[in-house]
Amino acid sequence: MAADIASCGLDWSKLEASAIFGDGAAAAVVGTAPAGASRLLAAEHQTFSEGVALCRIPGGGSRYHPTRINQPFEPLARFHMDGKGVFRLAAQHLPAFVARLLVRAGLRLEQIDWIVPHQASQLALTHLGRRLGFARNKFIDVFADHGNQVAASLPTALDIAIRDGRIQRGQRVLLLGTGAGLAVGGMILEY
C-alpha cells in the first residue's frame, strides 16, 4: 500500500517543484498464486546515499522538533527538491540497475511488454525511455491525469493499465520506482 498527501508539504511559491505533484493512494496485493498465474521473476532495491540532500523535508525527524528550535518551523516542514540533481543521479544509476534486474530475471530488454515507471514528471518519463532504450509506446504514462503521486504513482499507473486492458495476463511487466535518498526499486513480473 502506498499513500501520499503531497499537497500539504509543498512550497507553492516554487511551482517548478510543487505543480507536478498530486495526492494519491494505491495498493497491490501480493501473495501465493496458483500455477499458471502471475509470478515475480526478479526484484531489487538499491540506495545511492549521495542523493540524500536532493529531496528532503528538513523538519521531518527529531533534529528540528518545533519545541526545541529557535526558528520558524513551517519552512522546515516543506518539501525541498533539486529536480535536476535527482534526474542526473537517477540517469547515472538506472541503466546498470535495470540491466542487473533483467539478468536476474533471465530476460532481454525486448522481452519486456510494459514498463510501469514512477511518474516523476513528463520530462523524466521521456528521458527515462531514451536513456534505457525503451520504446515510448511500451511505457505506462498516467502523469498528465494524475501527476506525481509520490509513492502511490507507480501502483496507480499499474492499476489503471490493468483495468483499461493494456496489461494482459502472461505479459512481462517491469515496475521501476525511484524515491528520495536516492532509492531505486524494481521488479519484473509476469502478469
N, C-alpha and C. Protein backbone atom coordinates (compact mmCIF):
# COMPACT_ATOMS: atom_id res chain seq x y z
N MET A 1 0.84 -1.17 0.00
CA MET A 1 0.00 0.00 0.00
C MET A 1 0.88 1.23 0.00
N ALA A 2 0.46 2.24 -0.72
CA ALA A 2 1.18 3.49 -0.79
C ALA A 2 0.17 4.63 -0.77
N ALA A 3 0.42 5.61 0.06
CA ALA A 3 -0.46 6.78 0.12
C ALA A 3 0.36 8.00 0.42
N ASP A 4 0.11 9.06 -0.28
CA ASP A 4 0.81 10.32 -0.04
C ASP A 4 -0.14 11.49 -0.25
N ILE A 5 -0.06 12.43 0.67
CA ILE A 5 -0.78 13.70 0.54
C ILE A 5 0.31 14.75 0.37
N ALA A 6 0.85 14.79 -0.84
CA ALA A 6 1.96 15.69 -1.14
C ALA A 6 1.57 17.15 -0.99
N SER A 7 0.32 17.48 -1.28
CA SER A 7 -0.11 18.87 -1.31
C SER A 7 0.09 19.62 0.00
N CYS A 8 0.07 18.91 1.12
CA CYS A 8 0.18 19.61 2.40
C CYS A 8 1.62 19.99 2.75
N GLY A 9 2.62 19.43 2.07
CA GLY A 9 4.00 19.74 2.40
C GLY A 9 4.74 20.51 1.33
N LEU A 10 4.02 21.01 0.33
CA LEU A 10 4.67 21.69 -0.79
C LEU A 10 4.78 23.18 -0.56
N ASP A 11 5.84 23.76 -1.10
CA ASP A 11 6.02 25.21 -1.09
C ASP A 11 5.44 25.72 -2.40
N TRP A 12 4.22 26.24 -2.36
CA TRP A 12 3.51 26.64 -3.56
C TRP A 12 4.09 27.88 -4.21
N SER A 13 5.06 28.53 -3.57
CA SER A 13 5.73 29.66 -4.22
C SER A 13 6.80 29.17 -5.20
N LYS A 14 7.11 27.89 -5.17
CA LYS A 14 8.09 27.28 -6.08
C LYS A 14 7.37 26.26 -6.96
N LEU A 15 6.69 26.77 -7.98
CA LEU A 15 5.85 25.92 -8.81
C LEU A 15 6.62 24.85 -9.57
N GLU A 16 7.89 25.10 -9.91
CA GLU A 16 8.65 24.09 -10.65
C GLU A 16 8.79 22.80 -9.86
N ALA A 17 8.72 22.88 -8.55
CA ALA A 17 8.81 21.69 -7.70
C ALA A 17 7.46 21.24 -7.19
N SER A 18 6.49 22.13 -7.10
CA SER A 18 5.21 21.75 -6.48
C SER A 18 4.11 21.42 -7.47
N ALA A 19 4.11 22.02 -8.64
CA ALA A 19 2.99 21.87 -9.58
C ALA A 19 2.89 20.47 -10.17
N ILE A 20 3.93 19.66 -10.09
CA ILE A 20 3.89 18.32 -10.69
C ILE A 20 3.28 17.27 -9.77
N PHE A 21 3.03 17.62 -8.51
CA PHE A 21 2.61 16.61 -7.54
C PHE A 21 1.09 16.53 -7.42
N GLY A 22 0.63 15.34 -7.07
CA GLY A 22 -0.77 15.10 -6.80
C GLY A 22 -0.90 14.19 -5.60
N ASP A 23 -2.01 14.23 -4.93
CA ASP A 23 -2.27 13.33 -3.80
C ASP A 23 -2.79 12.00 -4.34
N GLY A 24 -2.48 10.91 -3.66
CA GLY A 24 -2.98 9.63 -4.14
C GLY A 24 -2.75 8.50 -3.16
N ALA A 25 -3.44 7.42 -3.40
CA ALA A 25 -3.29 6.19 -2.62
C ALA A 25 -3.57 5.02 -3.53
N ALA A 26 -2.79 3.96 -3.39
CA ALA A 26 -2.99 2.76 -4.19
C ALA A 26 -2.38 1.57 -3.46
N ALA A 27 -2.81 0.40 -3.83
CA ALA A 27 -2.28 -0.81 -3.20
C ALA A 27 -2.25 -1.93 -4.23
N ALA A 28 -1.32 -2.83 -4.05
CA ALA A 28 -1.25 -4.05 -4.85
C ALA A 28 -1.17 -5.21 -3.88
N VAL A 29 -1.98 -6.22 -4.09
CA VAL A 29 -1.98 -7.39 -3.21
C VAL A 29 -1.05 -8.43 -3.81
N VAL A 30 -0.07 -8.83 -3.03
CA VAL A 30 0.90 -9.83 -3.48
C VAL A 30 0.76 -11.04 -2.57
N GLY A 31 0.66 -12.19 -3.19
CA GLY A 31 0.52 -13.41 -2.40
C GLY A 31 0.80 -14.63 -3.26
N THR A 32 0.64 -15.77 -2.67
CA THR A 32 0.85 -17.02 -3.38
C THR A 32 -0.21 -17.16 -4.48
N ALA A 33 0.26 -17.53 -5.67
CA ALA A 33 -0.66 -17.67 -6.79
C ALA A 33 -0.70 -19.12 -7.25
N PRO A 34 -1.83 -19.54 -7.77
CA PRO A 34 -1.91 -20.90 -8.30
C PRO A 34 -1.01 -21.03 -9.54
N ALA A 35 -0.65 -22.25 -9.87
CA ALA A 35 0.18 -22.50 -11.05
C ALA A 35 -0.43 -21.85 -12.28
N GLY A 36 0.41 -21.22 -13.08
CA GLY A 36 -0.06 -20.58 -14.30
C GLY A 36 -0.53 -19.15 -14.10
N ALA A 37 -0.56 -18.66 -12.86
CA ALA A 37 -0.99 -17.29 -12.59
C ALA A 37 0.25 -16.38 -12.57
N SER A 38 0.06 -15.17 -12.16
CA SER A 38 1.14 -14.19 -12.10
C SER A 38 2.30 -14.71 -11.28
N ARG A 39 3.52 -14.27 -11.67
CA ARG A 39 4.68 -14.65 -10.88
C ARG A 39 5.74 -13.57 -10.94
N LEU A 40 6.47 -13.45 -9.85
CA LEU A 40 7.56 -12.49 -9.74
C LEU A 40 8.82 -13.13 -10.30
N LEU A 41 9.45 -12.47 -11.28
CA LEU A 41 10.64 -13.02 -11.92
C LEU A 41 11.92 -12.49 -11.30
N ALA A 42 11.93 -11.24 -10.83
CA ALA A 42 13.12 -10.65 -10.21
C ALA A 42 12.71 -9.39 -9.48
N ALA A 43 13.46 -9.06 -8.44
CA ALA A 43 13.23 -7.82 -7.69
C ALA A 43 14.55 -7.34 -7.13
N GLU A 44 14.69 -6.04 -7.03
CA GLU A 44 15.93 -5.46 -6.49
C GLU A 44 15.62 -4.07 -5.95
N HIS A 45 16.40 -3.67 -4.95
CA HIS A 45 16.31 -2.33 -4.38
C HIS A 45 17.72 -1.86 -4.06
N GLN A 46 17.99 -0.59 -4.32
CA GLN A 46 19.31 -0.05 -4.03
C GLN A 46 19.17 1.43 -3.66
N THR A 47 20.01 1.88 -2.74
CA THR A 47 20.02 3.28 -2.34
C THR A 47 21.38 3.88 -2.66
N PHE A 48 21.37 5.06 -3.23
CA PHE A 48 22.58 5.80 -3.57
C PHE A 48 22.61 7.03 -2.67
N SER A 49 23.31 6.91 -1.56
CA SER A 49 23.23 7.92 -0.50
C SER A 49 23.78 9.28 -0.88
N GLU A 50 24.52 9.37 -1.98
CA GLU A 50 24.99 10.70 -2.39
C GLU A 50 23.83 11.63 -2.76
N GLY A 51 22.63 11.08 -2.90
CA GLY A 51 21.46 11.89 -3.21
C GLY A 51 20.63 12.27 -2.01
N VAL A 52 21.16 12.07 -0.81
CA VAL A 52 20.37 12.29 0.40
C VAL A 52 19.81 13.71 0.52
N ALA A 53 20.52 14.71 0.03
CA ALA A 53 20.06 16.10 0.19
C ALA A 53 19.23 16.60 -0.99
N LEU A 54 19.00 15.76 -1.99
CA LEU A 54 18.31 16.22 -3.19
C LEU A 54 16.80 16.35 -3.01
N CYS A 55 16.20 15.53 -2.20
CA CYS A 55 14.77 15.59 -1.87
C CYS A 55 14.67 15.45 -0.36
N ARG A 56 14.08 16.44 0.27
CA ARG A 56 14.03 16.34 1.74
C ARG A 56 12.97 17.25 2.33
N ILE A 57 12.59 16.89 3.52
CA ILE A 57 11.75 17.72 4.38
C ILE A 57 12.59 17.88 5.65
N PRO A 58 13.30 19.00 5.80
CA PRO A 58 14.25 19.14 6.91
C PRO A 58 13.65 18.86 8.28
N GLY A 59 12.43 19.26 8.52
CA GLY A 59 11.80 19.07 9.82
C GLY A 59 11.07 17.76 9.96
N GLY A 60 11.37 16.79 9.11
CA GLY A 60 10.65 15.53 9.12
C GLY A 60 11.05 14.57 10.22
N GLY A 61 12.10 14.86 10.95
CA GLY A 61 12.55 13.96 12.01
C GLY A 61 12.59 14.70 13.34
N SER A 62 13.52 14.33 14.19
CA SER A 62 13.58 14.93 15.52
C SER A 62 14.62 16.05 15.62
N ARG A 63 15.48 16.22 14.62
CA ARG A 63 16.51 17.25 14.68
C ARG A 63 15.92 18.65 14.87
N TYR A 64 14.82 18.93 14.17
CA TYR A 64 14.20 20.26 14.23
C TYR A 64 12.83 20.20 14.88
N HIS A 65 12.70 19.55 15.98
CA HIS A 65 11.40 19.47 16.64
C HIS A 65 10.94 20.89 17.01
N PRO A 66 9.68 21.24 16.76
CA PRO A 66 9.21 22.61 16.97
C PRO A 66 9.39 23.12 18.40
N THR A 67 9.46 22.23 19.38
CA THR A 67 9.62 22.69 20.76
C THR A 67 11.09 22.90 21.14
N ARG A 68 12.02 22.54 20.25
CA ARG A 68 13.44 22.64 20.58
C ARG A 68 14.24 23.54 19.66
N ILE A 69 13.60 24.33 18.83
CA ILE A 69 14.34 25.19 17.90
C ILE A 69 13.98 26.65 18.13
N ASN A 70 14.87 27.52 17.71
CA ASN A 70 14.66 28.96 17.82
C ASN A 70 14.51 29.57 16.44
N GLN A 71 13.71 28.97 15.63
CA GLN A 71 13.43 29.47 14.29
C GLN A 71 12.04 28.98 13.90
N PRO A 72 11.44 29.61 12.91
CA PRO A 72 10.11 29.16 12.46
C PRO A 72 10.16 27.71 11.95
N PHE A 73 9.20 26.92 12.38
CA PHE A 73 9.17 25.51 11.99
C PHE A 73 8.55 25.30 10.61
N GLU A 74 7.58 26.12 10.23
CA GLU A 74 6.85 25.89 8.98
C GLU A 74 7.77 25.73 7.76
N PRO A 75 8.79 26.56 7.54
CA PRO A 75 9.66 26.33 6.38
C PRO A 75 10.39 24.99 6.44
N LEU A 76 10.64 24.49 7.63
CA LEU A 76 11.32 23.20 7.78
C LEU A 76 10.39 22.03 7.48
N ALA A 77 9.08 22.28 7.48
CA ALA A 77 8.10 21.23 7.22
C ALA A 77 7.71 21.16 5.74
N ARG A 78 8.36 21.96 4.92
CA ARG A 78 8.06 21.99 3.48
C ARG A 78 9.05 21.12 2.71
N PHE A 79 8.54 20.51 1.65
CA PHE A 79 9.34 19.66 0.77
C PHE A 79 10.28 20.53 -0.06
N HIS A 80 11.54 20.12 -0.13
CA HIS A 80 12.55 20.79 -0.95
C HIS A 80 13.11 19.76 -1.92
N MET A 81 13.25 20.16 -3.20
CA MET A 81 13.75 19.21 -4.19
C MET A 81 14.67 19.90 -5.18
N ASP A 82 15.78 19.26 -5.46
CA ASP A 82 16.66 19.65 -6.56
C ASP A 82 16.35 18.68 -7.69
N GLY A 83 15.34 19.01 -8.49
CA GLY A 83 14.86 18.11 -9.53
C GLY A 83 15.93 17.73 -10.54
N LYS A 84 16.74 18.70 -10.95
CA LYS A 84 17.81 18.40 -11.91
C LYS A 84 18.83 17.45 -11.30
N GLY A 85 19.15 17.66 -10.04
CA GLY A 85 20.10 16.77 -9.36
C GLY A 85 19.56 15.35 -9.24
N VAL A 86 18.28 15.23 -8.90
CA VAL A 86 17.65 13.91 -8.80
C VAL A 86 17.68 13.22 -10.16
N PHE A 87 17.33 13.97 -11.20
CA PHE A 87 17.31 13.40 -12.55
C PHE A 87 18.71 12.93 -12.95
N ARG A 88 19.73 13.76 -12.72
CA ARG A 88 21.11 13.38 -13.10
C ARG A 88 21.55 12.11 -12.38
N LEU A 89 21.27 12.04 -11.08
CA LEU A 89 21.68 10.87 -10.30
C LEU A 89 20.93 9.61 -10.75
N ALA A 90 19.63 9.75 -10.98
CA ALA A 90 18.84 8.60 -11.45
C ALA A 90 19.33 8.16 -12.83
N ALA A 91 19.58 9.10 -13.73
CA ALA A 91 20.05 8.77 -15.07
C ALA A 91 21.41 8.06 -15.03
N GLN A 92 22.22 8.41 -14.06
CA GLN A 92 23.53 7.79 -13.90
C GLN A 92 23.42 6.32 -13.47
N HIS A 93 22.49 6.02 -12.57
CA HIS A 93 22.41 4.69 -11.98
C HIS A 93 21.36 3.75 -12.59
N LEU A 94 20.32 4.28 -13.19
CA LEU A 94 19.23 3.42 -13.67
C LEU A 94 19.62 2.42 -14.76
N PRO A 95 20.44 2.79 -15.75
CA PRO A 95 20.76 1.79 -16.78
C PRO A 95 21.39 0.52 -16.21
N ALA A 96 22.37 0.64 -15.34
CA ALA A 96 23.00 -0.55 -14.75
C ALA A 96 22.02 -1.30 -13.84
N PHE A 97 21.19 -0.56 -13.12
CA PHE A 97 20.19 -1.17 -12.25
C PHE A 97 19.23 -2.05 -13.05
N VAL A 98 18.71 -1.50 -14.14
CA VAL A 98 17.77 -2.24 -14.99
C VAL A 98 18.47 -3.43 -15.64
N ALA A 99 19.71 -3.25 -16.06
CA ALA A 99 20.46 -4.36 -16.66
C ALA A 99 20.61 -5.52 -15.68
N ARG A 100 20.92 -5.21 -14.41
CA ARG A 100 21.04 -6.26 -13.39
C ARG A 100 19.69 -6.95 -13.16
N LEU A 101 18.63 -6.18 -13.14
CA LEU A 101 17.30 -6.74 -12.94
C LEU A 101 16.93 -7.69 -14.08
N LEU A 102 17.23 -7.30 -15.30
CA LEU A 102 16.95 -8.16 -16.46
C LEU A 102 17.76 -9.46 -16.39
N VAL A 103 19.03 -9.37 -15.98
CA VAL A 103 19.86 -10.56 -15.84
C VAL A 103 19.27 -11.49 -14.79
N ARG A 104 18.85 -10.93 -13.65
CA ARG A 104 18.25 -11.75 -12.59
C ARG A 104 16.99 -12.45 -13.06
N ALA A 105 16.24 -11.80 -13.95
CA ALA A 105 15.00 -12.39 -14.47
C ALA A 105 15.28 -13.34 -15.64
N GLY A 106 16.51 -13.31 -16.17
CA GLY A 106 16.83 -14.14 -17.33
C GLY A 106 16.17 -13.66 -18.61
N LEU A 107 16.01 -12.32 -18.71
CA LEU A 107 15.31 -11.74 -19.86
C LEU A 107 16.18 -10.69 -20.55
N ARG A 108 15.81 -10.40 -21.80
CA ARG A 108 16.40 -9.29 -22.54
C ARG A 108 15.37 -8.16 -22.59
N LEU A 109 15.85 -6.98 -22.83
CA LEU A 109 15.01 -5.79 -22.88
C LEU A 109 13.81 -5.97 -23.80
N GLU A 110 14.02 -6.55 -24.95
CA GLU A 110 12.93 -6.70 -25.93
C GLU A 110 11.87 -7.71 -25.50
N GLN A 111 12.13 -8.46 -24.43
CA GLN A 111 11.14 -9.42 -23.92
C GLN A 111 10.19 -8.79 -22.90
N ILE A 112 10.41 -7.53 -22.59
CA ILE A 112 9.53 -6.81 -21.65
C ILE A 112 8.38 -6.21 -22.45
N ASP A 113 7.15 -6.51 -22.04
CA ASP A 113 5.98 -5.99 -22.75
C ASP A 113 5.62 -4.57 -22.32
N TRP A 114 5.75 -4.28 -21.02
CA TRP A 114 5.35 -2.98 -20.49
C TRP A 114 6.34 -2.51 -19.43
N ILE A 115 6.55 -1.22 -19.38
CA ILE A 115 7.34 -0.60 -18.31
C ILE A 115 6.38 0.31 -17.55
N VAL A 116 6.28 0.08 -16.26
CA VAL A 116 5.45 0.93 -15.40
C VAL A 116 6.41 1.68 -14.48
N PRO A 117 6.75 2.92 -14.85
CA PRO A 117 7.70 3.67 -14.05
C PRO A 117 7.01 4.57 -13.03
N HIS A 118 7.79 4.99 -12.05
CA HIS A 118 7.36 6.06 -11.15
C HIS A 118 7.05 7.26 -12.03
N GLN A 119 5.96 7.92 -11.78
CA GLN A 119 5.50 9.04 -12.61
C GLN A 119 6.11 10.35 -12.11
N ALA A 120 7.43 10.48 -12.21
CA ALA A 120 8.15 11.63 -11.64
C ALA A 120 7.74 12.95 -12.30
N SER A 121 7.83 13.01 -13.60
CA SER A 121 7.42 14.19 -14.38
C SER A 121 7.35 13.76 -15.83
N GLN A 122 6.71 14.56 -16.66
CA GLN A 122 6.61 14.21 -18.08
C GLN A 122 8.00 14.19 -18.71
N LEU A 123 8.83 15.16 -18.37
CA LEU A 123 10.19 15.22 -18.91
C LEU A 123 11.01 14.01 -18.46
N ALA A 124 10.88 13.63 -17.20
CA ALA A 124 11.63 12.48 -16.69
C ALA A 124 11.20 11.19 -17.38
N LEU A 125 9.91 11.03 -17.65
CA LEU A 125 9.43 9.84 -18.35
C LEU A 125 9.99 9.77 -19.76
N THR A 126 10.03 10.89 -20.45
CA THR A 126 10.57 10.93 -21.81
C THR A 126 12.05 10.57 -21.81
N HIS A 127 12.81 11.21 -20.92
CA HIS A 127 14.25 10.94 -20.86
C HIS A 127 14.55 9.52 -20.39
N LEU A 128 13.74 9.00 -19.49
CA LEU A 128 13.94 7.64 -18.99
C LEU A 128 13.86 6.63 -20.13
N GLY A 129 12.86 6.79 -20.98
CA GLY A 129 12.72 5.89 -22.12
C GLY A 129 13.94 5.93 -23.03
N ARG A 130 14.41 7.13 -23.33
CA ARG A 130 15.59 7.28 -24.18
C ARG A 130 16.83 6.68 -23.52
N ARG A 131 17.02 7.00 -22.26
CA ARG A 131 18.23 6.57 -21.54
C ARG A 131 18.30 5.05 -21.42
N LEU A 132 17.16 4.42 -21.21
CA LEU A 132 17.14 2.98 -21.01
C LEU A 132 16.90 2.18 -22.29
N GLY A 133 16.56 2.88 -23.37
CA GLY A 133 16.35 2.21 -24.64
C GLY A 133 14.98 1.56 -24.79
N PHE A 134 13.99 2.05 -24.05
CA PHE A 134 12.64 1.51 -24.13
C PHE A 134 11.83 2.30 -25.15
N ALA A 135 11.05 1.62 -25.95
CA ALA A 135 10.14 2.29 -26.87
C ALA A 135 9.08 3.03 -26.06
N ARG A 136 8.77 4.25 -26.45
CA ARG A 136 7.81 5.08 -25.71
C ARG A 136 6.43 4.42 -25.64
N ASN A 137 6.06 3.65 -26.66
CA ASN A 137 4.74 3.02 -26.64
C ASN A 137 4.66 1.83 -25.68
N LYS A 138 5.77 1.47 -25.03
CA LYS A 138 5.76 0.42 -24.02
C LYS A 138 5.61 1.00 -22.61
N PHE A 139 5.60 2.32 -22.49
CA PHE A 139 5.51 2.98 -21.20
C PHE A 139 4.06 3.16 -20.77
N ILE A 140 3.80 2.89 -19.52
CA ILE A 140 2.51 3.24 -18.93
C ILE A 140 2.71 4.64 -18.34
N ASP A 141 2.05 5.61 -18.94
CA ASP A 141 2.23 7.01 -18.57
C ASP A 141 0.86 7.59 -18.20
N VAL A 142 0.67 7.86 -16.91
CA VAL A 142 -0.59 8.45 -16.44
C VAL A 142 -0.33 9.82 -15.81
N PHE A 143 0.87 10.35 -16.02
CA PHE A 143 1.28 11.60 -15.38
C PHE A 143 0.33 12.76 -15.70
N ALA A 144 -0.06 12.90 -16.96
CA ALA A 144 -0.89 14.04 -17.35
C ALA A 144 -2.20 14.10 -16.57
N ASP A 145 -2.75 12.95 -16.22
CA ASP A 145 -4.03 12.92 -15.50
C ASP A 145 -3.89 12.87 -13.98
N HIS A 146 -2.76 12.36 -13.48
CA HIS A 146 -2.63 12.12 -12.04
C HIS A 146 -1.43 12.80 -11.38
N GLY A 147 -0.50 13.32 -12.16
CA GLY A 147 0.69 13.95 -11.60
C GLY A 147 1.58 12.93 -10.91
N ASN A 148 2.54 13.44 -10.18
CA ASN A 148 3.45 12.60 -9.40
C ASN A 148 2.80 12.41 -8.03
N GLN A 149 2.24 11.24 -7.81
CA GLN A 149 1.58 10.93 -6.54
C GLN A 149 2.56 10.31 -5.55
N VAL A 150 3.83 10.62 -5.73
CA VAL A 150 4.90 10.15 -4.87
C VAL A 150 4.85 8.61 -4.83
N ALA A 151 4.76 8.01 -3.67
CA ALA A 151 4.79 6.54 -3.57
C ALA A 151 3.60 5.88 -4.25
N ALA A 152 2.51 6.59 -4.37
CA ALA A 152 1.31 5.99 -4.97
C ALA A 152 1.32 6.04 -6.50
N SER A 153 2.26 6.74 -7.10
CA SER A 153 2.22 6.91 -8.56
C SER A 153 2.41 5.61 -9.32
N LEU A 154 3.32 4.77 -8.89
CA LEU A 154 3.56 3.52 -9.61
C LEU A 154 2.39 2.54 -9.47
N PRO A 155 1.90 2.26 -8.26
CA PRO A 155 0.76 1.35 -8.19
C PRO A 155 -0.51 1.92 -8.84
N THR A 156 -0.66 3.23 -8.85
CA THR A 156 -1.80 3.84 -9.55
C THR A 156 -1.69 3.56 -11.04
N ALA A 157 -0.50 3.77 -11.61
CA ALA A 157 -0.29 3.53 -13.04
C ALA A 157 -0.51 2.05 -13.38
N LEU A 158 -0.04 1.15 -12.53
CA LEU A 158 -0.24 -0.28 -12.74
C LEU A 158 -1.73 -0.62 -12.75
N ASP A 159 -2.45 -0.13 -11.77
CA ASP A 159 -3.89 -0.40 -11.68
C ASP A 159 -4.63 0.12 -12.91
N ILE A 160 -4.33 1.33 -13.33
CA ILE A 160 -5.00 1.91 -14.50
C ILE A 160 -4.74 1.06 -15.74
N ALA A 161 -3.48 0.65 -15.93
CA ALA A 161 -3.12 -0.12 -17.13
C ALA A 161 -3.74 -1.52 -17.12
N ILE A 162 -3.93 -2.10 -15.95
CA ILE A 162 -4.61 -3.41 -15.88
C ILE A 162 -6.10 -3.23 -16.16
N ARG A 163 -6.69 -2.22 -15.53
CA ARG A 163 -8.13 -2.03 -15.71
C ARG A 163 -8.51 -1.59 -17.12
N ASP A 164 -7.64 -0.81 -17.80
CA ASP A 164 -8.01 -0.39 -19.16
C ASP A 164 -7.59 -1.41 -20.22
N GLY A 165 -6.99 -2.54 -19.79
CA GLY A 165 -6.71 -3.64 -20.70
C GLY A 165 -5.37 -3.59 -21.40
N ARG A 166 -4.55 -2.57 -21.14
CA ARG A 166 -3.23 -2.56 -21.78
C ARG A 166 -2.39 -3.72 -21.30
N ILE A 167 -2.34 -3.94 -20.00
CA ILE A 167 -1.58 -5.06 -19.45
C ILE A 167 -2.49 -6.28 -19.41
N GLN A 168 -2.04 -7.34 -20.09
CA GLN A 168 -2.81 -8.57 -20.21
C GLN A 168 -2.10 -9.71 -19.48
N ARG A 169 -2.84 -10.73 -19.08
CA ARG A 169 -2.28 -11.91 -18.43
C ARG A 169 -1.19 -12.53 -19.31
N GLY A 170 -0.10 -12.92 -18.67
CA GLY A 170 1.02 -13.55 -19.37
C GLY A 170 2.07 -12.57 -19.85
N GLN A 171 1.76 -11.27 -19.84
CA GLN A 171 2.75 -10.28 -20.27
C GLN A 171 3.78 -10.02 -19.17
N ARG A 172 4.98 -9.64 -19.61
CA ARG A 172 6.06 -9.32 -18.67
C ARG A 172 6.09 -7.82 -18.46
N VAL A 173 6.10 -7.43 -17.20
CA VAL A 173 5.99 -6.03 -16.82
C VAL A 173 7.18 -5.66 -15.93
N LEU A 174 7.85 -4.57 -16.27
CA LEU A 174 8.92 -4.02 -15.46
C LEU A 174 8.37 -2.86 -14.65
N LEU A 175 8.37 -2.99 -13.34
CA LEU A 175 7.98 -1.90 -12.45
C LEU A 175 9.27 -1.23 -11.99
N LEU A 176 9.35 0.08 -12.13
CA LEU A 176 10.58 0.79 -11.83
C LEU A 176 10.26 2.05 -11.04
N GLY A 177 10.72 2.07 -9.79
CA GLY A 177 10.43 3.21 -8.93
C GLY A 177 11.69 3.89 -8.44
N THR A 178 11.55 5.17 -8.17
CA THR A 178 12.63 5.95 -7.56
C THR A 178 12.06 6.73 -6.40
N GLY A 179 12.91 7.06 -5.46
CA GLY A 179 12.47 7.83 -4.31
C GLY A 179 13.62 8.64 -3.74
N ALA A 180 13.29 9.47 -2.79
CA ALA A 180 14.29 10.32 -2.16
C ALA A 180 15.39 9.46 -1.57
N GLY A 181 16.59 9.98 -1.65
CA GLY A 181 17.69 9.29 -0.98
C GLY A 181 18.95 9.05 -1.76
N LEU A 182 19.06 8.77 -2.94
CA LEU A 182 18.15 8.31 -3.98
C LEU A 182 17.96 6.81 -3.86
N ALA A 183 16.73 6.39 -3.74
CA ALA A 183 16.41 4.97 -3.69
C ALA A 183 15.84 4.55 -5.04
N VAL A 184 16.23 3.37 -5.49
CA VAL A 184 15.74 2.82 -6.75
C VAL A 184 15.24 1.41 -6.45
N GLY A 185 14.05 1.11 -6.90
CA GLY A 185 13.49 -0.23 -6.72
C GLY A 185 12.87 -0.70 -8.02
N GLY A 186 12.95 -1.99 -8.24
CA GLY A 186 12.36 -2.52 -9.45
C GLY A 186 11.98 -3.97 -9.29
N MET A 187 11.03 -4.38 -10.09
CA MET A 187 10.69 -5.80 -10.17
C MET A 187 10.17 -6.09 -11.56
N ILE A 188 10.38 -7.33 -11.95
CA ILE A 188 9.83 -7.81 -13.21
C ILE A 188 8.87 -8.91 -12.85
N LEU A 189 7.64 -8.74 -13.31
CA LEU A 189 6.65 -9.76 -13.04
C LEU A 189 5.99 -10.22 -14.33
N GLU A 190 5.55 -11.44 -14.31
CA GLU A 190 4.76 -11.97 -15.39
C GLU A 190 3.32 -11.90 -14.91
N TYR A 191 2.56 -11.01 -15.50
CA TYR A 191 1.21 -10.77 -15.03
C TYR A 191 0.30 -11.89 -15.49
